[in-house]
């Protein structure tokens, strides 16, 4: 989407539609009042008649008369003024953009939501409008041969009357578009079918991101290289598939920054059948999204590069399929990991923690300032938190607080779960150092407890995104399918990261 910024008055715009807003129960003011006056009181009439109250994400479509240059007026509700925040501004922008898409409008103009009476910083408001508008217009129709919406929103113009704010608004719009673009990359990867988004495809995508980005370097380890290193857990998961595993390393700004890096690790199981412990057939097609953590890491690394952030960052993606044939690993097997520790396999469908074990051990060689891993790891986390929050477990309270703050700002919220020593008792094995599942009780926590055994020597946060990576219900700026959750959170964490350790 093309989003530009122009000085002017919204009521004078000649466009297919203009967008203004209204707080619930508030008097018309500012740009909304100007549009109301220019239209002969159309907004006032709708409000006074009770057809529009300004509730959050409520929309009002009006057809302007000859008095105005625009064809349509869209008013979006901001809800109660005392509850207004950055996420409400995003939702307003996304709601308006979805309405424009529904109407088949190709170009429109909008005011900033919340930069006046809402009290938002101008650059934040601009970023929110650009980010949410672009995300709301996302569609995955690559494989549809007919019925696609060719008449989609192509251009949005932000109208600002004060010329002094134009450079700031443009800066916010640029940032919002770059973050949205990275999130859409992650959504594309998640939505791709497993026969295309293979481990090799993820590696090729990472290399393309590095070529097109700035200060990015990509290295891909093949199975021979992984074998030499001793990544026995990752290679075991890969054994049942004809598709070779790949271990992806993306480094940003290594030469220009001497401080220890911030490292992201993403689970990249591009299709998960469960292996020998095979899943039920119903719903198995959804297991193409078991690489949502990997998608988030690749998207975040693209965003960090495009924003030219002043930190050293590393993205690690262990990528594999989990299928079954005569070579597949089995319940009862004992695997030796990169760390040297051994894991007894009780269930081959608990494979994500195995590939992350090797990846987290590999992360140690960077001597990181902090490590955050993301994984669609457990159904237990969905049971605990549903689809509204990501489960967070950590060995470092400072890093956890930073992750949580980034989640609040981006509305990719996380919620802490305990990681007490007692949970480790459930993953002790009689025949190996550890076993790969602690059973049903506290399943999300015991999975994290296993990972903690390999996240040694650095601050670490684990994010279980099983409940937040995919949605079957569209939101204001999140269509059905892959959400791309984690991209905006990780990017915000990187933006807030201290320049000095």
Protein backbone atom coordinates (compact mmCIF):
# COMPACT_ATOMS: atom_id res chain seq x y z
CA UNK A 1 0.00 0.00 0.00
CA UNK A 2 1.12 3.53 -0.80
CA UNK A 3 0.61 5.92 2.13
CA UNK A 4 1.54 9.58 1.69
CA UNK A 5 1.24 12.69 3.83
CA UNK A 6 -0.08 16.04 2.64
CA UNK A 7 -0.87 19.34 4.26
CA UNK A 8 -4.48 20.40 3.96
CA UNK A 9 -8.00 20.28 5.36
CA UNK A 10 -9.75 16.92 5.23
CA UNK A 11 -13.12 18.47 4.35
CA UNK A 12 -11.64 19.87 1.13
CA UNK A 13 -10.23 16.57 -0.14
CA UNK A 14 -11.32 15.28 -3.54
CA UNK A 15 -11.18 11.53 -3.01
CA UNK A 16 -13.31 8.41 -3.15
CA UNK A 17 -13.67 8.64 0.62
CA UNK A 18 -12.43 10.59 3.63
CA UNK A 19 -12.04 9.19 7.16
CA UNK A 20 -12.64 11.02 10.42
CA UNK A 21 -13.39 9.83 13.96
CA UNK A 22 -15.48 10.45 17.03
CA UNK A 23 -15.18 9.57 20.70
CA UNK A 24 -18.19 7.95 22.31
CA UNK A 25 -20.46 10.56 23.83
CA UNK A 26 -18.18 13.44 22.82
CA UNK A 27 -19.12 16.61 21.00
CA UNK A 28 -17.93 16.95 17.45
CA UNK A 29 -14.69 18.90 17.26
CA UNK A 30 -11.63 19.48 15.09
CA UNK A 31 -11.62 17.81 11.69
CA UNK A 32 -14.82 15.88 12.40
CA UNK A 33 -16.68 19.10 13.15
CA UNK A 34 -15.28 20.68 9.99
CA UNK A 35 -16.51 17.74 7.89
CA UNK A 36 -19.87 17.81 9.64
CA UNK A 37 -20.29 21.49 8.81
CA UNK A 38 -19.15 21.07 5.20
CA UNK A 39 -21.59 18.19 4.68
CA UNK A 40 -24.55 20.11 6.01
CA UNK A 41 -24.65 18.30 9.35
CA UNK A 42 -24.73 14.70 8.11
CA UNK A 43 -22.67 13.43 11.04
CA UNK A 44 -24.76 15.33 13.60
CA UNK A 45 -27.95 13.96 12.09
CA UNK A 46 -26.69 10.36 12.38
CA UNK A 47 -25.55 10.88 15.97
CA UNK A 48 -28.72 12.70 17.06
CA UNK A 49 -30.89 9.98 15.55
CA UNK A 50 -29.03 7.31 17.51
CA UNK A 51 -27.60 5.58 14.44
CA UNK A 52 -24.01 6.28 15.50
CA UNK A 53 -22.63 6.66 19.02
CA UNK A 54 -18.85 6.48 18.53
CA UNK A 55 -18.37 3.10 20.21
CA UNK A 56 -15.00 1.54 19.56
CA UNK A 57 -14.67 0.32 15.96
CA UNK A 58 -18.22 1.32 15.08
CA UNK A 59 -18.40 2.78 11.57
CA UNK A 60 -20.71 5.20 9.86
CA UNK A 61 -20.85 5.52 6.08
CA UNK A 62 -22.27 8.73 4.68
CA UNK A 63 -22.62 9.91 1.11
CA UNK A 64 -21.56 13.49 0.71
CA UNK A 65 -23.59 15.85 -1.42
CA UNK A 66 -22.56 18.42 -3.96
CA UNK A 67 -21.21 20.62 -1.18
CA UNK A 68 -18.11 18.41 -0.82
CA UNK A 69 -15.46 17.15 -3.23
CA UNK A 70 -15.39 13.66 -1.74
CA UNK A 71 -17.91 10.96 -2.57
CA UNK A 72 -18.10 9.31 0.85
CA UNK A 73 -17.48 10.09 4.49
CA UNK A 74 -16.49 7.32 6.89
CA UNK A 75 -16.64 8.02 10.61
CA UNK A 76 -14.96 5.50 12.91
CA UNK A 77 -15.69 5.27 16.63
CA UNK A 78 -12.87 5.62 19.15
CA UNK A 79 -14.83 4.52 22.20
CA UNK A 80 -14.58 6.20 25.58
CA UNK A 81 -11.97 8.94 25.67
CA UNK A 82 -10.62 7.83 29.04
CA UNK A 83 -9.91 4.35 27.62
CA UNK A 84 -8.20 5.61 24.47
CA UNK A 85 -4.64 4.42 23.77
CA UNK A 86 -2.31 3.46 20.95
CA UNK A 87 -4.04 0.15 20.31
CA UNK A 88 -7.42 1.85 19.99
CA UNK A 89 -5.85 4.13 17.35
CA UNK A 90 -4.56 1.07 15.49
CA UNK A 91 -7.94 -0.60 15.63
CA UNK A 92 -9.65 2.55 14.35
CA UNK A 93 -7.27 2.76 11.39
CA UNK A 94 -7.63 -0.94 10.68
CA UNK A 95 -11.41 -0.83 10.94
CA UNK A 96 -11.57 2.08 8.50
CA UNK A 97 -9.22 0.36 6.05
CA UNK A 98 -11.29 -2.84 6.13
CA UNK A 99 -14.42 -0.78 5.42
CA UNK A 100 -12.67 0.83 2.45
CA UNK A 101 -11.68 -2.61 1.17
CA UNK A 102 -15.24 -3.85 1.57
CA UNK A 103 -16.53 -0.91 -0.47
CA UNK A 104 -13.95 -1.50 -3.20
CA UNK A 105 -12.39 1.94 -2.73
CA UNK A 106 -8.97 2.33 -4.30
CA UNK A 107 -7.85 5.61 -2.74
CA UNK A 108 -8.91 7.60 0.29
CA UNK A 109 -7.74 10.24 2.76
CA UNK A 110 -7.66 10.11 6.55
CA UNK A 111 -6.85 12.18 9.58
CA UNK A 112 -4.56 10.86 12.32
CA UNK A 113 -6.49 9.09 15.05
CA UNK A 114 -5.66 10.36 18.52
CA UNK A 115 -2.96 12.92 17.82
CA UNK A 116 -5.24 15.75 19.01
CA UNK A 117 -7.81 15.18 21.73
CA UNK A 118 -6.56 11.61 22.18
CA UNK A 119 -3.21 12.86 23.44
CA UNK A 120 -1.01 10.50 21.40
CA UNK A 121 2.45 11.51 20.32
CA UNK A 122 2.28 12.55 16.66
CA UNK A 123 4.87 10.07 15.42
CA UNK A 124 3.17 7.24 17.33
CA UNK A 125 -0.22 8.14 15.88
CA UNK A 126 1.22 8.25 12.36
CA UNK A 127 2.94 4.92 12.81
CA UNK A 128 -0.26 3.37 14.15
CA UNK A 129 -2.34 4.58 11.18
CA UNK A 130 0.18 3.34 8.60
CA UNK A 131 0.88 0.03 10.31
CA UNK A 132 -2.72 -0.93 10.98
CA UNK A 133 -4.04 0.26 7.61
CA UNK A 134 -1.48 -1.83 5.74
CA UNK A 135 -2.04 -4.86 7.98
CA UNK A 136 -5.83 -4.61 7.60
CA UNK A 137 -5.53 -4.77 3.82
CA UNK A 138 -3.42 -7.95 3.86
CA UNK A 139 -4.79 -10.82 1.81
CA UNK A 140 -3.35 -14.24 1.03
CA UNK A 141 -4.82 -15.21 -2.32
CA UNK A 142 -1.73 -16.47 -4.13
CA UNK A 143 -3.40 -19.77 -4.98
CA UNK A 144 -6.83 -18.45 -5.98
CA UNK A 145 -7.39 -18.45 -9.72
CA UNK A 146 -10.65 -16.49 -9.53
CA UNK A 147 -12.72 -14.43 -7.14
CA UNK A 148 -9.86 -12.26 -5.87
CA UNK A 149 -10.52 -8.63 -5.06
CA UNK A 150 -8.64 -6.74 -7.77
CA UNK A 151 -10.17 -3.44 -6.69
CA UNK A 152 -8.34 -3.15 -3.38
CA UNK A 153 -7.22 -0.08 -1.46
CA UNK A 154 -4.05 1.12 -3.12
CA UNK A 155 -3.45 4.64 -1.80
CA UNK A 156 -4.13 6.31 1.51
CA UNK A 157 -3.28 9.96 2.15
CA UNK A 158 -2.83 11.30 5.67
CA UNK A 159 -4.08 14.88 5.81
CA UNK A 160 -2.53 17.26 8.34
CA UNK A 161 -3.36 20.98 8.56
CA UNK A 162 -0.22 21.96 10.53
CA UNK A 163 2.80 22.05 8.19
CA UNK A 164 5.18 21.86 11.16
CA UNK A 165 4.04 18.29 11.92
CA UNK A 166 4.43 16.96 8.37
CA UNK A 167 8.08 15.71 8.69
CA UNK A 168 7.27 13.94 11.96
CA UNK A 169 4.18 12.30 10.50
CA UNK A 170 6.13 11.11 7.48
CA UNK A 171 8.74 9.55 9.76
CA UNK A 172 6.02 7.68 11.64
CA UNK A 173 4.35 6.53 8.42
CA UNK A 174 7.64 5.15 7.08
CA UNK A 175 8.27 3.17 10.26
CA UNK A 176 4.71 1.84 10.35
CA UNK A 177 4.88 0.64 6.76
CA UNK A 178 8.21 -1.12 7.32
CA UNK A 179 6.91 -2.95 10.37
CA UNK A 180 3.70 -3.87 8.55
CA UNK A 181 5.68 -5.16 5.59
CA UNK A 182 7.74 -7.40 7.88
CA UNK A 183 4.59 -8.68 9.59
CA UNK A 184 3.02 -9.45 6.23
CA UNK A 185 6.16 -11.41 5.30
CA UNK A 186 5.62 -13.55 8.39
CA UNK A 187 1.93 -13.98 7.53
CA UNK A 188 2.82 -15.10 4.01
CA UNK A 189 5.24 -17.71 5.36
CA UNK A 190 2.68 -19.06 7.82
CA UNK A 191 -0.12 -19.19 5.26
CA UNK A 192 1.98 -20.94 2.61
CA UNK A 193 1.22 -24.67 2.28
CA UNK A 194 3.76 -27.13 3.55
CA UNK A 195 4.62 -28.34 0.07
CA UNK A 196 6.03 -24.88 -0.68
CA UNK A 197 7.21 -23.51 2.67
CA UNK A 198 9.79 -26.24 3.28
CA UNK A 199 12.96 -25.80 5.37
CA UNK A 200 14.80 -24.96 2.15
CA UNK A 201 12.18 -22.32 1.32
CA UNK A 202 12.65 -20.70 4.74
CA UNK A 203 16.40 -20.65 4.17
CA UNK A 204 15.98 -19.09 0.73
CA UNK A 205 13.67 -16.47 2.22
CA UNK A 206 16.23 -15.63 4.90
CA UNK A 207 18.95 -15.24 2.27
CA UNK A 208 16.70 -12.96 0.23
CA UNK A 209 16.00 -10.82 3.30
CA UNK A 210 19.75 -10.48 3.81
CA UNK A 211 20.40 -9.55 0.17
CA UNK A 212 17.66 -6.93 0.12
CA UNK A 213 18.33 -5.56 3.61
CA UNK A 214 21.08 -3.48 5.10
CA UNK A 215 23.86 -4.78 7.36
CA UNK A 216 22.37 -8.29 7.25
CA UNK A 217 24.35 -11.49 6.82
CA UNK A 218 22.78 -14.90 6.28
CA UNK A 219 24.40 -18.28 6.83
CA UNK A 220 22.61 -21.59 6.30
CA UNK A 221 23.90 -24.85 7.75
CA UNK A 222 23.00 -28.05 5.92
CA UNK A 223 22.61 -31.43 7.58
CA UNK A 224 26.26 -32.33 7.12
CA UNK A 225 27.32 -29.18 8.95
CA UNK A 226 24.79 -29.85 11.69
CA UNK A 227 26.11 -33.38 12.08
CA UNK A 228 29.67 -32.10 12.46
CA UNK A 229 28.50 -29.73 15.18
CA UNK A 230 26.57 -32.45 16.99
CA UNK A 231 22.98 -31.22 16.60
CA UNK A 232 21.58 -34.66 17.32
CA UNK A 233 18.14 -33.50 18.43
CA UNK A 234 17.39 -31.39 15.36
CA UNK A 235 18.70 -34.07 13.00
CA UNK A 236 16.64 -36.76 14.72
CA UNK A 237 13.41 -34.84 14.12
CA UNK A 238 14.37 -34.40 10.47
CA UNK A 239 15.14 -38.08 9.83
CA UNK A 240 11.62 -39.08 8.87
CA UNK A 241 11.35 -36.49 6.10
CA UNK A 242 12.65 -36.43 2.53
CA UNK A 243 13.05 -32.65 2.94
CA UNK A 244 16.46 -31.83 4.44
CA UNK A 245 16.67 -29.75 7.59
CA UNK A 246 18.28 -26.32 7.57
CA UNK A 247 19.71 -24.19 10.37
CA UNK A 248 19.42 -20.50 9.53
CA UNK A 249 21.60 -17.77 11.05
CA UNK A 250 20.81 -14.12 10.35
CA UNK A 251 23.12 -11.48 11.81
CA UNK A 252 22.40 -7.77 11.75
CA UNK A 253 24.90 -4.99 12.38
CA UNK A 254 27.65 -7.29 13.63
CA UNK A 255 30.61 -5.19 12.48
CA UNK A 256 29.24 -1.83 13.61
CA UNK A 257 28.36 -2.84 17.16
CA UNK A 258 30.69 -4.30 19.76
CA UNK A 259 28.04 -4.95 22.37
CA UNK A 260 26.65 -8.47 22.96
CA UNK A 261 23.73 -9.22 20.66
CA UNK A 262 20.04 -9.63 21.27
CA UNK A 263 19.23 -13.11 19.90
CA UNK A 264 15.87 -14.37 18.62
CA UNK A 265 15.20 -18.09 18.12
CA UNK A 266 12.17 -19.32 16.18
CA UNK A 267 10.77 -22.83 15.96
CA UNK A 268 10.66 -23.76 12.28
CA UNK A 269 8.73 -27.03 11.95
CA UNK A 270 7.33 -26.45 8.48
CA UNK A 271 4.93 -29.38 8.79
CA UNK A 272 4.24 -31.47 11.88
CA UNK A 273 2.51 -34.80 11.49
CA UNK A 274 3.51 -35.79 15.00
CA UNK A 275 5.94 -38.36 13.64
CA UNK A 276 5.55 -41.91 14.94
CA UNK A 277 3.22 -40.48 17.62
CA UNK A 278 1.03 -39.36 14.75
CA UNK A 279 -1.64 -36.73 15.22
CA UNK A 280 -5.30 -37.26 14.39
CA UNK A 281 -6.13 -36.63 10.75
CA UNK A 282 -8.79 -34.03 11.50
CA UNK A 283 -7.13 -30.63 11.59
CA UNK A 284 -3.69 -31.88 10.62
CA UNK A 285 -3.66 -29.50 7.66
CA UNK A 286 -3.20 -26.69 10.19
CA UNK A 287 0.21 -28.05 11.10
CA UNK A 288 1.74 -26.04 8.26
CA UNK A 289 1.71 -23.18 10.78
CA UNK A 290 4.06 -24.91 13.20
CA UNK A 291 6.80 -22.64 11.88
CA UNK A 292 5.13 -19.44 13.10
CA UNK A 293 8.02 -18.78 15.49
CA UNK A 294 10.47 -18.97 12.60
CA UNK A 295 8.28 -16.62 10.56
CA UNK A 296 8.26 -14.12 13.43
CA UNK A 297 12.05 -14.16 13.70
CA UNK A 298 12.56 -13.68 9.95
CA UNK A 299 10.03 -10.85 9.91
CA UNK A 300 11.57 -9.16 12.93
CA UNK A 301 15.06 -9.33 11.43
CA UNK A 302 13.75 -7.71 8.25
CA UNK A 303 12.07 -4.95 10.26
CA UNK A 304 15.16 -4.30 12.39
CA UNK A 305 17.27 -3.97 9.27
CA UNK A 306 14.83 -1.70 7.43
CA UNK A 307 14.53 0.56 10.50
CA UNK A 308 18.35 0.66 10.81
CA UNK A 309 18.21 0.11 14.55
CA UNK A 310 21.42 0.70 16.54
CA UNK A 311 21.98 -2.75 18.01
CA UNK A 312 23.57 -6.09 17.18
CA UNK A 313 20.83 -8.66 16.61
CA UNK A 314 20.86 -12.33 15.63
CA UNK A 315 18.05 -14.53 14.36
CA UNK A 316 18.31 -18.34 14.61
CA UNK A 317 15.87 -20.72 12.95
CA UNK A 318 16.08 -24.53 13.22
CA UNK A 319 13.93 -25.63 10.27
CA UNK A 320 12.65 -29.15 9.64
CA UNK A 321 9.60 -31.27 8.94
CA UNK A 322 8.38 -33.88 11.44
CA UNK A 323 7.19 -36.83 9.38
CA UNK A 324 7.40 -40.58 9.69
CA UNK A 325 9.05 -43.33 7.73
CA UNK A 326 11.41 -46.18 8.49
CA UNK A 327 14.17 -43.78 9.54
CA UNK A 328 12.03 -41.59 11.80
CA UNK A 329 12.97 -41.27 15.46
CA UNK A 330 10.84 -43.30 17.84
CA UNK A 331 9.42 -43.27 21.36
CA UNK A 332 12.09 -44.77 23.58
CA UNK A 333 14.99 -43.36 21.57
CA UNK A 334 17.67 -41.40 23.39
CA UNK A 335 19.11 -38.39 21.60
CA UNK A 336 22.35 -36.58 22.26
CA UNK A 337 22.00 -32.83 21.85
CA UNK A 338 24.52 -30.19 20.83
CA UNK A 339 25.07 -29.43 24.53
CA UNK A 340 26.03 -33.03 25.21
CA UNK A 341 22.95 -33.63 27.36
CA UNK A 342 20.76 -36.59 26.46
CA UNK A 343 16.98 -36.67 26.05
CA UNK A 344 14.73 -39.73 26.21
CA UNK A 345 11.86 -39.59 23.72
CA UNK A 346 8.44 -40.42 25.13
CA UNK A 347 6.42 -38.71 22.40
CA UNK A 348 7.68 -37.75 18.95
CA UNK A 349 4.97 -35.08 18.75
CA UNK A 350 6.91 -33.12 21.37
CA UNK A 351 9.52 -32.29 18.74
CA UNK A 352 9.63 -28.48 18.86
CA UNK A 353 11.48 -28.47 22.17
CA UNK A 354 14.06 -30.83 20.69
CA UNK A 355 15.04 -28.59 17.80
CA UNK A 356 14.98 -25.55 20.09
CA UNK A 357 17.30 -27.33 22.51
CA UNK A 358 20.04 -27.40 19.87
CA UNK A 359 19.27 -23.86 18.72
CA UNK A 360 19.42 -22.46 22.27
CA UNK A 361 22.74 -24.20 22.83
CA UNK A 362 24.04 -22.72 19.57
CA UNK A 363 22.94 -19.25 20.75
CA UNK A 364 25.43 -19.45 23.61
CA UNK A 365 28.37 -18.97 21.22
CA UNK A 366 27.25 -15.38 20.59
CA UNK A 367 27.57 -14.54 24.31
CA UNK A 368 24.19 -12.81 24.03
CA UNK A 369 22.83 -10.02 26.18
CA UNK A 370 19.48 -11.75 25.97
CA UNK A 371 17.71 -14.54 24.09
CA UNK A 372 14.01 -14.73 23.24
CA UNK A 373 12.60 -17.86 21.63
CA UNK A 374 9.15 -18.14 20.04
CA UNK A 375 7.38 -21.40 19.35
CA UNK A 376 3.95 -22.86 18.71
CA UNK A 377 4.97 -25.30 21.38
CA UNK A 378 2.04 -26.65 23.40
CA UNK A 379 -1.70 -27.06 23.30
CA UNK A 380 -1.49 -26.74 27.07
CA UNK A 381 -0.68 -23.04 26.67
CA UNK A 382 -3.84 -22.58 24.59
CA UNK A 383 -5.82 -24.29 27.35
CA UNK A 384 -4.29 -22.00 29.95
CA UNK A 385 -4.46 -18.63 28.15
CA UNK A 386 -6.72 -19.11 25.15
CA UNK A 387 -6.06 -17.04 22.07
CA UNK A 388 -5.63 -13.62 23.66
CA UNK A 389 -2.18 -13.87 25.25
CA UNK A 390 1.15 -15.55 24.63
CA UNK A 391 2.58 -17.61 27.47
CA UNK A 392 5.90 -16.30 28.80
CA UNK A 393 8.41 -18.20 30.93
CA UNK A 394 11.81 -16.82 31.80
CA UNK A 395 15.01 -17.18 33.78
CA UNK A 396 15.60 -13.41 33.93
CA UNK A 397 13.12 -10.92 35.38
CA UNK A 398 14.68 -7.88 33.71
CA UNK A 399 14.46 -9.36 30.22
CA UNK A 400 10.95 -10.64 30.94
CA UNK A 401 9.86 -7.15 31.98
CA UNK A 402 11.24 -5.72 28.74
CA UNK A 403 9.44 -8.33 26.68
CA UNK A 404 6.23 -7.72 28.54
CA UNK A 405 6.51 -3.94 28.03
CA UNK A 406 7.06 -4.45 24.29
CA UNK A 407 4.03 -6.73 24.20
CA UNK A 408 1.85 -4.13 25.90
CA UNK A 409 2.91 -1.38 23.51
CA UNK A 410 2.29 -3.49 20.41
CA UNK A 411 -0.83 -5.23 21.80
CA UNK A 412 0.96 -8.58 21.33
CA UNK A 413 0.44 -9.27 24.98
CA UNK A 414 2.31 -11.88 26.98
CA UNK A 415 1.44 -13.36 30.35
CA UNK A 416 3.98 -14.88 32.77
CA UNK A 417 3.80 -18.46 33.94
CA UNK A 418 6.06 -19.83 36.72
CA UNK A 419 9.21 -21.79 36.04
CA UNK A 420 9.96 -23.12 39.50
CA UNK A 421 12.53 -25.83 40.15
CA UNK A 422 9.78 -28.27 41.10
CA UNK A 423 8.64 -28.47 37.48
CA UNK A 424 12.00 -29.89 36.47
CA UNK A 425 11.20 -33.05 38.43
CA UNK A 426 8.59 -33.91 35.79
CA UNK A 427 11.17 -34.03 32.99
CA UNK A 428 13.78 -36.17 34.75
CA UNK A 429 14.44 -39.46 32.99
CA UNK A 430 15.44 -42.80 34.49
CA UNK A 431 17.65 -43.65 31.51
CA UNK A 432 18.84 -40.23 30.22
CA UNK A 433 19.46 -36.74 31.52
CA UNK A 434 15.98 -35.59 30.55
CA UNK A 435 12.78 -36.77 28.89
CA UNK A 436 10.96 -34.76 26.24
CA UNK A 437 7.60 -34.54 27.98
CA UNK A 438 6.52 -34.24 31.58
CA UNK A 439 2.97 -35.38 30.94
CA UNK A 440 -0.30 -33.44 30.94
CA UNK A 441 0.04 -31.46 34.20
CA UNK A 442 1.54 -28.00 33.51
CA UNK A 443 2.41 -29.07 29.98
CA UNK A 444 3.41 -25.60 28.79
CA UNK A 445 5.63 -25.05 31.82
CA UNK A 446 7.39 -28.42 31.72
CA UNK A 447 8.14 -27.87 28.02
CA UNK A 448 9.76 -24.57 28.98
CA UNK A 449 11.58 -26.29 31.83
CA UNK A 450 13.18 -28.59 29.27
CA UNK A 451 14.24 -25.61 27.17
CA UNK A 452 15.71 -23.91 30.24
CA UNK A 453 18.19 -26.77 30.53
CA UNK A 454 19.72 -25.59 27.26
CA UNK A 455 19.34 -21.82 27.72
CA UNK A 456 22.42 -21.56 29.85
CA UNK A 457 24.78 -18.65 30.44
CA UNK A 458 22.49 -15.83 29.30
CA UNK A 459 19.16 -14.12 30.13
CA UNK A 460 16.35 -16.02 28.44
CA UNK A 461 12.64 -15.67 27.72
CA UNK A 462 10.45 -18.34 26.13
CA UNK A 463 7.25 -17.32 24.36
CA UNK A 464 4.69 -20.04 23.65
CA UNK A 465 2.63 -18.61 20.76
CA UNK A 466 0.49 -21.70 20.15
CA UNK A 467 -2.68 -19.77 20.93
CA UNK A 468 -1.82 -16.47 19.26
CA UNK A 469 -0.06 -17.39 16.01
CA UNK A 470 -3.23 -18.16 14.05
CA UNK A 471 -6.78 -16.83 14.15
CA UNK A 472 -10.06 -18.08 12.75
CA UNK A 473 -11.76 -14.78 13.60
CA UNK A 474 -10.74 -11.58 11.81
CA UNK A 475 -10.01 -8.46 13.86
CA UNK A 476 -9.66 -4.79 12.93
CA UNK A 477 -6.21 -5.29 11.39
CA UNK A 478 -5.78 -9.07 11.55
CA UNK A 479 -7.48 -11.11 8.80
CA UNK A 480 -8.14 -14.82 9.29
CA UNK A 481 -5.09 -17.09 9.09
CA UNK A 482 -1.51 -16.41 10.06
CA UNK A 483 -1.25 -13.47 12.46
CA UNK A 484 2.48 -12.83 12.25
CA UNK A 485 2.49 -12.51 16.03
CA UNK A 486 5.89 -11.73 17.47
CA UNK A 487 7.20 -9.57 14.64
CA UNK A 488 5.99 -6.32 16.13
CA UNK A 489 6.84 -7.39 19.69
CA UNK A 490 10.42 -8.38 18.84
CA UNK A 491 10.89 -5.25 16.75
CA UNK A 492 9.67 -3.07 19.62
CA UNK A 493 11.98 -4.91 22.02
CA UNK A 494 14.86 -4.14 19.67
CA UNK A 495 13.80 -0.50 19.37
CA UNK A 496 13.76 -0.16 23.15
CA UNK A 497 16.98 -2.11 23.65
CA UNK A 498 19.63 -0.09 25.50
CA UNK A 499 22.52 1.07 23.35
CA UNK A 500 24.90 0.05 26.14
CA UNK A 501 24.63 -3.13 28.19
